[in-house]
Amino acid sequence: MHNASVDLAAPGDKRGMECAKGVSECVGALNTMAPGSLLDGVMIVAGIWVIVLATGLAIRTFMIVDPAPPLINRLIFRGTQAVFNPLSRMIRNPVRKHQVLSLFAPISLLVVLGFILFLIGTGYTLVFYGVGIKPLIRAFLFSGSALSTLGFESPGNNFWVIIFSALEALTVAVVVSLLIGYLPGIYSSYQDREQAVRTLDDLTGTPPDGIKVVDKYVEVYGAGKLGDLWQTWLAWFSDLGSAGTTLSGQLYLRSSRWDRSWICTAGAMLDAASLVDSSVDLSTDPAASHLVRSGSRALTQVLEPLRLHCPPDPTWPKTPINISREEFNQAYDHLQQIGLPMKPDKDAAWSAFAQQRVKYECPLMTLVKLKKPPHGARWTTDREDGKGHLPIPIRGRKRVGHHADVVSDSPAIIA
C-alpha cells in the first residue's frame, strides 16, 4: 500500500516539477524580452517625435507667416554669420567682399534644409530600429535608402518597414515641395526690391543719398512732381516691411552689383523725404512726412524677425542723431541754390529734420552694421556708428541704438 501511494504521488510530483519549470522558463523569457521591447517602443516614440519636430520646422520655415523664426534657424544663421564675418574682415577688395557676402543667404538656407533632412533621417532611423531593423547601422541604411529614394535597401515582408519607408519618402517629397514653393516667393520679392534700387541708381548715380535724390528728381521732373515720388516709394516700403516678416531670407540677398544696396536706397529716400518735409515750402506735399513714418515702421519690421529692437517712439534732442547741424546747413543751402522754395526759419527746419531723422536712424544704422552695405553713402554708410559687426541674437531680444541693452525672458546668447 505504501509503495502504491508512492507510485501514485510520483506522477503528480513530476507534473508539478514540469509546471514549475515551465513557469520559470516563461518568466525568464519575459525578463529577457521586456527590456528589448521597452527599448524598441522608446525608439519608435523618440523617432516619431524627431520626425514631427523636423516637419514642423519645415512648415514654419517655408510656409507660415511668422515674425519670429524658429530657434534652430536663428542658430544656423548665427553660425554661418560667425563664419562670414571674419572672412569679410580679411577681404579688402569691395568686389571680392561682395561676392563672398552674397553667399551668406543661399548657404544659410541650404544648411537649414540640410538640417531638416538630417532630422528626418535620424527620426526614421530610430523608428526602423524600433520595428525590428537591427543593428542601428542597418536601420540607418534603411532610412538613407528611403530618404534618398534610391531604394538600395529592400524592406522585405516586414509590414511596418514598408509603411515607414513609404512615409519617409513622402515626408522628404513634401519638404522639397515646400522649398520649391518658397524660393520663387523669395526671388520675386527680391526682384521687385532690386528694380526700385536700379531705378534710383539710374537717377542719382552710385551711391544714392537724400540730397542727390531731391536734386536729380527736381532737375528731371520738377519740384511739383515730388509728391509722385513719395507715393511710389510708399508702396516699396510697404512691401519691404511685409517681406521682413514673411520672407526674411530674401532680406539677406545682396544686390547683383557690389556698389548697390537696398539699405542705402532706403536711407537715401527717407533722408530726401525728411529734408523736403522739414525745409522745403511745399504745403501741398504731405506725403513726404507720411513716407518717413511708413519707412521708419518698415525698417523696424525688418528687424523684428531678427529679435533686434530699437527704442520705441524716440524723440530729439533726448535721443541724438548722427547728422550734425553743419551738415544739415550745407544740405539746406544746396537745396536753396537749386531754386527750391525754402522755409525761412533755418533753426525750425533743423529741429523738424532732426525729429524726422530720429524716427528711422536706429533701424537704419542697425541694418548697416548687420548687413554690411557698400561704404560711402552720405548719411548712411559713412557714419561711425554704422561700423563694426552686430551678431544675430539666438535667444531673447537685443535692444539696439542709444543706451542699448539685452531684454529677454531668458539669457541671450550673443557671441
Protein backbone atom coordinates (compact mmCIF):
# COMPACT_ATOMS: atom_id res chain seq x y z
CA MET A 1 0.00 0.00 0.00
CA HIS A 2 2.79 2.30 0.91
CA ASN A 3 4.50 1.56 -2.34
CA ALA A 4 1.28 2.22 -4.22
CA SER A 5 0.88 5.63 -2.65
CA VAL A 6 4.42 6.46 -3.51
CA ASP A 7 3.81 5.38 -7.07
CA LEU A 8 0.62 7.43 -7.23
CA ALA A 9 2.31 10.53 -5.89
CA ALA A 10 5.21 10.31 -8.24
CA PRO A 11 3.33 11.32 -11.40
CA GLY A 12 1.88 14.37 -9.62
CA ASP A 13 5.26 15.43 -8.40
CA LYS A 14 6.61 15.12 -11.92
CA ARG A 15 3.80 17.23 -13.37
CA GLY A 16 4.34 19.85 -10.66
CA MET A 17 8.03 19.95 -11.33
CA GLU A 18 7.39 20.28 -15.08
CA CYS A 19 4.85 23.06 -14.50
CA ALA A 20 7.22 24.89 -12.18
CA LYS A 21 9.96 24.51 -14.73
CA GLY A 22 7.66 25.88 -17.46
CA VAL A 23 6.72 28.91 -15.38
CA SER A 24 10.36 29.57 -14.65
CA GLU A 25 11.18 29.43 -18.37
CA CYS A 26 8.29 31.76 -19.19
CA VAL A 27 9.37 34.27 -16.57
CA GLY A 28 12.94 34.01 -17.76
CA ALA A 29 11.80 34.62 -21.33
CA LEU A 30 9.76 37.64 -20.28
CA ASN A 31 12.67 39.01 -18.31
CA THR A 32 14.85 38.60 -21.38
CA MET A 33 12.34 40.12 -23.80
CA ALA A 34 10.97 43.02 -21.75
CA PRO A 35 13.99 45.32 -21.90
CA GLY A 36 14.24 44.90 -25.68
CA SER A 37 10.56 45.52 -26.21
CA LEU A 38 10.68 48.58 -23.99
CA LEU A 39 13.72 49.92 -25.85
CA ASP A 40 12.00 49.36 -29.19
CA GLY A 41 8.97 51.29 -28.00
CA VAL A 42 11.11 54.15 -26.74
CA MET A 43 12.98 54.28 -30.06
CA ILE A 44 9.72 54.42 -32.04
CA VAL A 45 8.28 57.19 -29.88
CA ALA A 46 11.54 59.18 -29.95
CA GLY A 47 11.80 58.76 -33.72
CA ILE A 48 8.24 59.96 -34.33
CA TRP A 49 8.89 62.97 -32.09
CA VAL A 50 12.00 63.90 -34.11
CA ILE A 51 10.06 63.49 -37.37
CA VAL A 52 7.27 65.77 -36.13
CA LEU A 53 9.87 68.32 -34.99
CA ALA A 54 11.55 68.30 -38.41
CA THR A 55 8.25 68.60 -40.28
CA GLY A 56 7.13 71.46 -38.05
CA LEU A 57 10.45 73.23 -38.63
CA ALA A 58 10.00 72.89 -42.40
CA ILE A 59 6.45 74.24 -42.25
CA ARG A 60 7.44 77.21 -40.06
CA THR A 61 10.41 77.99 -42.31
CA PHE A 62 8.79 77.68 -45.72
CA MET A 63 5.07 78.24 -45.19
CA ILE A 64 3.91 80.07 -42.07
CA VAL A 65 3.98 83.86 -41.79
CA ASP A 66 5.85 84.11 -38.51
CA PRO A 67 7.52 87.27 -37.17
CA ALA A 68 9.86 85.12 -35.06
CA PRO A 69 11.90 82.48 -36.95
CA PRO A 70 12.41 79.14 -35.17
CA LEU A 71 15.28 78.93 -32.69
CA ILE A 72 17.08 76.37 -34.85
CA ASN A 73 17.04 78.74 -37.83
CA ARG A 74 18.48 81.55 -35.71
CA LEU A 75 21.21 79.19 -34.50
CA ILE A 76 22.08 78.26 -38.07
CA PHE A 77 22.10 81.85 -39.35
CA ARG A 78 24.14 82.88 -36.32
CA GLY A 79 26.62 80.08 -37.02
CA THR A 80 27.06 80.98 -40.68
CA GLN A 81 27.37 84.64 -39.69
CA ALA A 82 30.22 83.68 -37.36
CA VAL A 83 31.99 82.20 -40.40
CA PHE A 84 31.29 85.01 -42.88
CA ASN A 85 32.11 87.96 -40.61
CA PRO A 86 35.82 87.06 -40.17
CA LEU A 87 36.07 86.27 -43.87
CA SER A 88 34.65 89.66 -44.84
CA ARG A 89 37.03 91.45 -42.48
CA MET A 90 40.02 89.80 -44.15
CA ILE A 91 38.97 90.86 -47.67
CA ARG A 92 39.86 94.44 -48.65
CA ASN A 93 38.66 94.42 -52.24
CA PRO A 94 34.99 95.55 -52.19
CA VAL A 95 34.08 93.44 -55.22
CA ARG A 96 35.51 90.29 -53.67
CA LYS A 97 33.89 91.10 -50.32
CA HIS A 98 30.52 91.49 -52.05
CA GLN A 99 30.95 88.14 -53.79
CA VAL A 100 31.70 86.39 -50.50
CA LEU A 101 28.87 88.04 -48.55
CA SER A 102 26.44 87.23 -51.37
CA LEU A 103 26.85 83.56 -50.45
CA PHE A 104 25.63 84.09 -46.89
CA ALA A 105 21.88 83.82 -47.55
CA PRO A 106 21.94 80.87 -50.02
CA ILE A 107 24.34 78.85 -47.86
CA SER A 108 22.34 79.56 -44.69
CA LEU A 109 19.11 78.41 -46.34
CA LEU A 110 20.80 75.27 -47.67
CA VAL A 111 22.11 74.49 -44.19
CA VAL A 112 18.57 74.89 -42.80
CA LEU A 113 17.28 72.46 -45.45
CA GLY A 114 20.13 70.04 -44.77
CA PHE A 115 19.44 70.11 -41.04
CA ILE A 116 15.74 69.40 -41.63
CA LEU A 117 16.64 66.39 -43.81
CA PHE A 118 19.13 65.24 -41.16
CA LEU A 119 16.40 65.32 -38.51
CA ILE A 120 14.04 63.37 -40.77
CA GLY A 121 16.70 60.74 -41.45
CA THR A 122 17.55 60.47 -37.75
CA GLY A 123 13.91 60.13 -36.75
CA TYR A 124 13.20 57.35 -39.23
CA THR A 125 16.44 55.58 -38.26
CA LEU A 126 15.12 55.33 -34.70
CA VAL A 127 11.72 54.14 -35.96
CA PHE A 128 13.24 51.46 -38.19
CA TYR A 129 15.33 50.22 -35.28
CA GLY A 130 12.20 50.02 -33.15
CA VAL A 131 10.26 47.95 -35.72
CA GLY A 132 12.99 45.34 -35.99
CA ILE A 133 15.77 46.58 -38.29
CA LYS A 134 18.91 45.90 -36.25
CA PRO A 135 21.69 46.81 -35.63
CA LEU A 136 21.45 50.60 -35.65
CA ILE A 137 23.76 50.97 -38.66
CA ARG A 138 21.38 48.80 -40.70
CA ALA A 139 18.44 50.94 -39.59
CA PHE A 140 20.42 53.99 -40.72
CA LEU A 141 20.95 52.41 -44.15
CA PHE A 142 17.22 51.71 -44.46
CA SER A 143 16.46 55.32 -43.56
CA GLY A 144 19.03 56.58 -46.06
CA SER A 145 17.52 54.36 -48.73
CA ALA A 146 14.07 55.86 -48.22
CA LEU A 147 15.38 59.41 -47.66
CA SER A 148 17.31 59.44 -50.93
CA THR A 149 14.53 57.50 -52.72
CA LEU A 150 17.29 55.29 -54.20
CA GLY A 151 15.84 52.09 -52.73
CA PHE A 152 19.16 50.30 -52.20
CA GLU A 153 17.70 48.51 -49.12
CA SER A 154 14.67 46.24 -49.57
CA PRO A 155 12.07 46.22 -46.75
CA GLY A 156 11.25 42.58 -47.48
CA ASN A 157 8.00 41.33 -45.94
CA ASN A 158 8.11 43.49 -42.79
CA PHE A 159 4.83 45.39 -42.93
CA TRP A 160 5.92 48.27 -40.68
CA VAL A 161 9.22 48.73 -42.51
CA ILE A 162 7.30 49.02 -45.79
CA ILE A 163 4.90 51.59 -44.27
CA PHE A 164 7.60 53.76 -42.71
CA SER A 165 9.80 53.60 -45.82
CA ALA A 166 6.92 54.97 -47.86
CA LEU A 167 6.18 57.63 -45.21
CA GLU A 168 9.82 58.78 -45.15
CA ALA A 169 9.93 59.16 -48.94
CA LEU A 170 6.65 61.09 -48.78
CA THR A 171 7.95 63.34 -45.99
CA VAL A 172 11.04 64.24 -47.99
CA ALA A 173 8.93 64.96 -51.07
CA VAL A 174 6.71 67.31 -49.05
CA VAL A 175 9.71 69.19 -47.60
CA VAL A 176 11.29 69.61 -51.04
CA SER A 177 7.93 70.79 -52.41
CA LEU A 178 7.72 73.41 -49.66
CA LEU A 179 11.21 74.63 -50.57
CA ILE A 180 10.32 74.77 -54.28
CA GLY A 181 7.29 76.91 -53.43
CA TYR A 182 9.33 79.10 -51.07
CA LEU A 183 12.18 80.04 -53.40
CA PRO A 184 10.07 81.70 -56.15
CA GLY A 185 8.44 83.88 -53.48
CA ILE A 186 11.84 84.97 -52.20
CA TYR A 187 13.22 85.80 -55.63
CA SER A 188 10.04 87.51 -56.80
CA SER A 189 10.19 89.81 -53.77
CA TYR A 190 13.92 90.26 -54.35
CA GLN A 191 13.41 91.27 -57.99
CA ASP A 192 10.73 93.81 -57.06
CA ARG A 193 13.02 95.31 -54.46
CA GLU A 194 16.02 95.47 -56.76
CA GLN A 195 14.06 97.02 -59.62
CA ALA A 196 13.43 100.10 -57.48
CA VAL A 197 17.07 100.13 -56.37
CA ARG A 198 18.24 100.12 -60.00
CA THR A 199 15.77 102.87 -60.91
CA LEU A 200 17.07 105.16 -58.18
CA ASP A 201 20.65 104.31 -59.10
CA ASP A 202 19.97 105.36 -62.69
CA LEU A 203 18.57 108.66 -61.45
CA THR A 204 21.17 109.64 -58.84
CA GLY A 205 24.21 107.54 -59.57
CA THR A 206 26.01 105.36 -57.03
CA PRO A 207 25.80 105.63 -54.09
CA PRO A 208 22.49 107.46 -53.60
CA ASP A 209 21.80 109.93 -50.79
CA GLY A 210 18.96 112.21 -49.81
CA ILE A 211 20.42 115.38 -51.29
CA LYS A 212 21.11 113.69 -54.65
CA VAL A 213 17.57 112.29 -54.76
CA VAL A 214 15.96 115.72 -54.36
CA ASP A 215 18.48 117.42 -56.64
CA LYS A 216 18.21 114.98 -59.57
CA TYR A 217 14.47 114.42 -59.31
CA VAL A 218 13.74 118.17 -59.32
CA GLU A 219 16.14 118.60 -62.24
CA VAL A 220 14.40 115.90 -64.32
CA TYR A 221 10.75 116.14 -63.27
CA GLY A 222 10.38 119.44 -61.41
CA ALA A 223 9.52 120.24 -57.79
CA GLY A 224 5.80 119.87 -58.43
CA LYS A 225 6.25 116.13 -59.06
CA LEU A 226 7.88 115.33 -55.72
CA GLY A 227 4.55 114.08 -54.39
CA ASP A 228 4.54 111.36 -57.05
CA LEU A 229 7.99 110.27 -55.90
CA TRP A 230 6.85 109.80 -52.30
CA GLN A 231 3.74 107.88 -53.36
CA THR A 232 5.85 105.47 -55.43
CA TRP A 233 8.18 104.73 -52.56
CA LEU A 234 5.36 104.31 -50.05
CA ALA A 235 4.46 101.09 -51.86
CA TRP A 236 8.11 99.98 -51.88
CA PHE A 237 8.49 100.43 -48.13
CA SER A 238 5.19 98.65 -47.53
CA ASP A 239 6.46 95.62 -49.48
CA LEU A 240 9.78 95.79 -47.65
CA GLY A 241 8.11 95.66 -44.24
CA SER A 242 5.95 92.73 -45.33
CA ALA A 243 8.96 90.83 -46.65
CA GLY A 244 10.67 91.35 -43.31
CA THR A 245 8.00 89.30 -41.53
CA THR A 246 7.22 86.70 -44.19
CA LEU A 247 10.31 86.16 -46.33
CA SER A 248 13.14 87.26 -44.08
CA GLY A 249 15.54 85.07 -46.07
CA GLN A 250 15.38 87.45 -49.04
CA LEU A 251 16.50 90.38 -46.88
CA TYR A 252 19.95 88.75 -46.74
CA LEU A 253 20.18 88.58 -50.53
CA ARG A 254 22.52 91.28 -51.71
CA SER A 255 22.20 93.33 -54.89
CA SER A 256 23.73 91.97 -58.08
CA ARG A 257 26.30 94.80 -58.12
CA TRP A 258 28.73 95.38 -55.30
CA ASP A 259 28.09 99.14 -55.19
CA ARG A 260 24.31 98.84 -54.78
CA SER A 261 22.29 98.12 -51.67
CA TRP A 262 18.63 98.38 -50.74
CA ILE A 263 19.73 99.72 -47.33
CA CYS A 264 21.49 102.70 -48.92
CA THR A 265 18.43 103.22 -51.12
CA ALA A 266 16.10 103.20 -48.11
CA GLY A 267 18.31 105.66 -46.24
CA ALA A 268 18.51 108.00 -49.24
CA MET A 269 14.74 108.09 -49.74
CA LEU A 270 13.99 108.69 -46.06
CA ASP A 271 16.61 111.46 -45.87
CA ALA A 272 15.19 113.05 -49.02
CA ALA A 273 11.66 112.99 -47.60
CA SER A 274 12.87 114.38 -44.26
CA LEU A 275 14.74 117.23 -45.95
CA VAL A 276 11.78 118.21 -48.12
CA ASP A 277 9.25 117.93 -45.32
CA SER A 278 11.33 119.97 -42.88
CA SER A 279 12.94 122.55 -45.15
CA VAL A 280 11.13 122.97 -48.47
CA ASP A 281 7.99 125.13 -48.51
CA LEU A 282 5.62 122.81 -50.38
CA SER A 283 2.41 122.88 -48.39
CA THR A 284 0.68 120.66 -50.95
CA ASP A 285 3.08 117.77 -50.35
CA PRO A 286 2.08 115.99 -47.09
CA ALA A 287 3.17 112.61 -48.48
CA ALA A 288 6.82 113.28 -47.54
CA SER A 289 6.01 113.11 -43.83
CA HIS A 290 3.88 110.04 -44.44
CA LEU A 291 6.79 108.35 -46.24
CA VAL A 292 9.07 108.94 -43.26
CA ARG A 293 6.56 107.34 -40.89
CA SER A 294 5.89 104.41 -43.21
CA GLY A 295 9.59 103.87 -43.96
CA SER A 296 10.55 104.00 -40.28
CA ARG A 297 7.89 101.42 -39.48
CA ALA A 298 9.05 99.19 -42.35
CA LEU A 299 12.69 99.19 -41.20
CA THR A 300 11.56 98.36 -37.69
CA GLN A 301 9.51 95.46 -39.04
CA VAL A 302 12.57 94.18 -40.90
CA LEU A 303 14.42 93.91 -37.56
CA GLU A 304 11.62 92.08 -35.74
CA PRO A 305 12.35 88.56 -37.11
CA LEU A 306 15.98 89.09 -36.11
CA ARG A 307 14.98 89.85 -32.48
CA LEU A 308 16.57 93.31 -32.74
CA HIS A 309 14.57 96.15 -31.21
CA CYS A 310 15.12 99.90 -31.33
CA PRO A 311 13.74 102.19 -28.61
CA PRO A 312 10.05 102.91 -29.31
CA ASP A 313 8.94 106.45 -30.20
CA PRO A 314 12.33 108.20 -29.96
CA THR A 315 12.35 111.99 -29.77
CA TRP A 316 15.04 114.55 -30.46
CA PRO A 317 17.03 116.03 -28.69
CA LYS A 318 16.54 113.39 -25.96
CA THR A 319 17.77 110.83 -28.48
CA PRO A 320 20.61 112.38 -30.52
CA ILE A 321 21.12 111.85 -34.25
CA ASN A 322 24.40 111.31 -36.11
CA ILE A 323 23.87 114.23 -38.53
CA SER A 324 25.49 117.46 -37.41
CA ARG A 325 23.90 120.89 -37.68
CA GLU A 326 26.67 121.91 -40.07
CA GLU A 327 25.88 119.00 -42.42
CA PHE A 328 22.21 119.94 -42.37
CA ASN A 329 23.04 123.59 -43.13
CA GLN A 330 25.05 122.51 -46.16
CA ALA A 331 22.13 120.42 -47.43
CA TYR A 332 19.69 123.30 -46.80
CA ASP A 333 21.89 125.75 -48.68
CA HIS A 334 22.26 123.34 -51.60
CA LEU A 335 18.50 122.91 -51.97
CA GLN A 336 18.12 126.68 -51.84
CA GLN A 337 20.73 127.11 -54.58
CA ILE A 338 18.89 124.78 -56.99
CA GLY A 339 15.84 127.03 -56.74
CA LEU A 340 13.54 125.22 -54.32
CA PRO A 341 11.25 127.41 -52.16
CA MET A 342 12.78 127.03 -48.70
CA LYS A 343 11.19 127.64 -45.33
CA PRO A 344 12.71 130.87 -43.94
CA ASP A 345 13.40 129.69 -40.37
CA LYS A 346 16.51 127.51 -40.65
CA ASP A 347 16.52 126.72 -36.92
CA ALA A 348 12.96 125.42 -37.10
CA ALA A 349 13.85 123.45 -40.23
CA TRP A 350 16.79 121.84 -38.44
CA SER A 351 14.60 120.89 -35.49
CA ALA A 352 11.94 119.42 -37.79
CA PHE A 353 14.57 117.47 -39.74
CA ALA A 354 16.10 116.04 -36.55
CA GLN A 355 12.64 114.99 -35.34
CA GLN A 356 12.13 113.10 -38.59
CA ARG A 357 15.61 111.58 -38.77
CA VAL A 358 15.46 110.19 -35.23
CA LYS A 359 12.47 108.02 -36.20
CA TYR A 360 14.45 105.83 -38.59
CA GLU A 361 18.10 106.34 -37.71
CA CYS A 362 18.31 103.46 -35.22
CA PRO A 363 16.87 100.73 -37.51
CA LEU A 364 18.82 102.12 -40.46
CA MET A 365 22.17 102.06 -38.65
CA THR A 366 21.39 98.63 -37.22
CA LEU A 367 20.86 97.25 -40.72
CA VAL A 368 24.09 98.89 -41.87
CA LYS A 369 26.03 97.12 -39.10
CA LEU A 370 24.26 93.84 -39.68
CA LYS A 371 24.31 93.53 -43.48
CA LYS A 372 27.44 95.49 -44.45
CA PRO A 373 26.30 97.52 -47.48
CA PRO A 374 28.99 99.31 -49.54
CA HIS A 375 30.66 102.26 -47.84
CA GLY A 376 30.43 105.87 -48.92
CA ALA A 377 26.69 106.61 -48.99
CA ARG A 378 26.21 110.03 -47.39
CA TRP A 379 24.40 109.94 -44.03
CA THR A 380 24.02 106.14 -44.24
CA THR A 381 27.19 104.07 -44.60
CA ASP A 382 29.65 106.89 -43.87
CA ARG A 383 28.63 107.12 -40.19
CA GLU A 384 30.86 105.88 -37.37
CA ASP A 385 28.00 104.14 -35.54
CA GLY A 386 27.36 102.04 -38.65
CA LYS A 387 30.76 100.37 -38.41
CA GLY A 388 31.58 97.14 -36.61
CA HIS A 389 29.68 93.86 -36.56
CA LEU A 390 26.34 93.07 -34.96
CA PRO A 391 25.69 89.40 -34.09
CA ILE A 392 22.22 87.96 -34.62
CA PRO A 393 20.65 87.16 -31.22
CA ILE A 394 19.88 83.49 -30.70
CA ARG A 395 17.56 83.75 -27.72
CA GLY A 396 15.81 86.72 -26.24
CA ARG A 397 15.64 90.21 -27.70
CA LYS A 398 18.56 92.55 -28.19
CA ARG A 399 17.85 96.25 -27.84
CA VAL A 400 19.98 98.33 -30.18
CA GLY A 401 20.59 102.03 -30.54
CA HIS A 402 21.44 104.50 -27.80
CA HIS A 403 21.55 103.01 -24.28
CA ALA A 404 21.12 99.53 -25.77
CA ASP A 405 20.83 96.51 -23.56
CA VAL A 406 19.52 92.97 -23.80
CA VAL A 407 15.90 92.43 -22.85
CA SER A 408 14.80 88.85 -22.54
CA ASP A 409 12.88 86.34 -20.50
CA SER A 410 15.89 84.05 -20.82
CA PRO A 411 19.55 84.93 -21.29
CA ALA A 412 20.56 86.00 -24.77
CA ILE A 413 23.37 84.08 -26.41
CA ILE A 414 25.30 86.65 -28.38
CA ALA A 415 28.83 85.58 -29.14
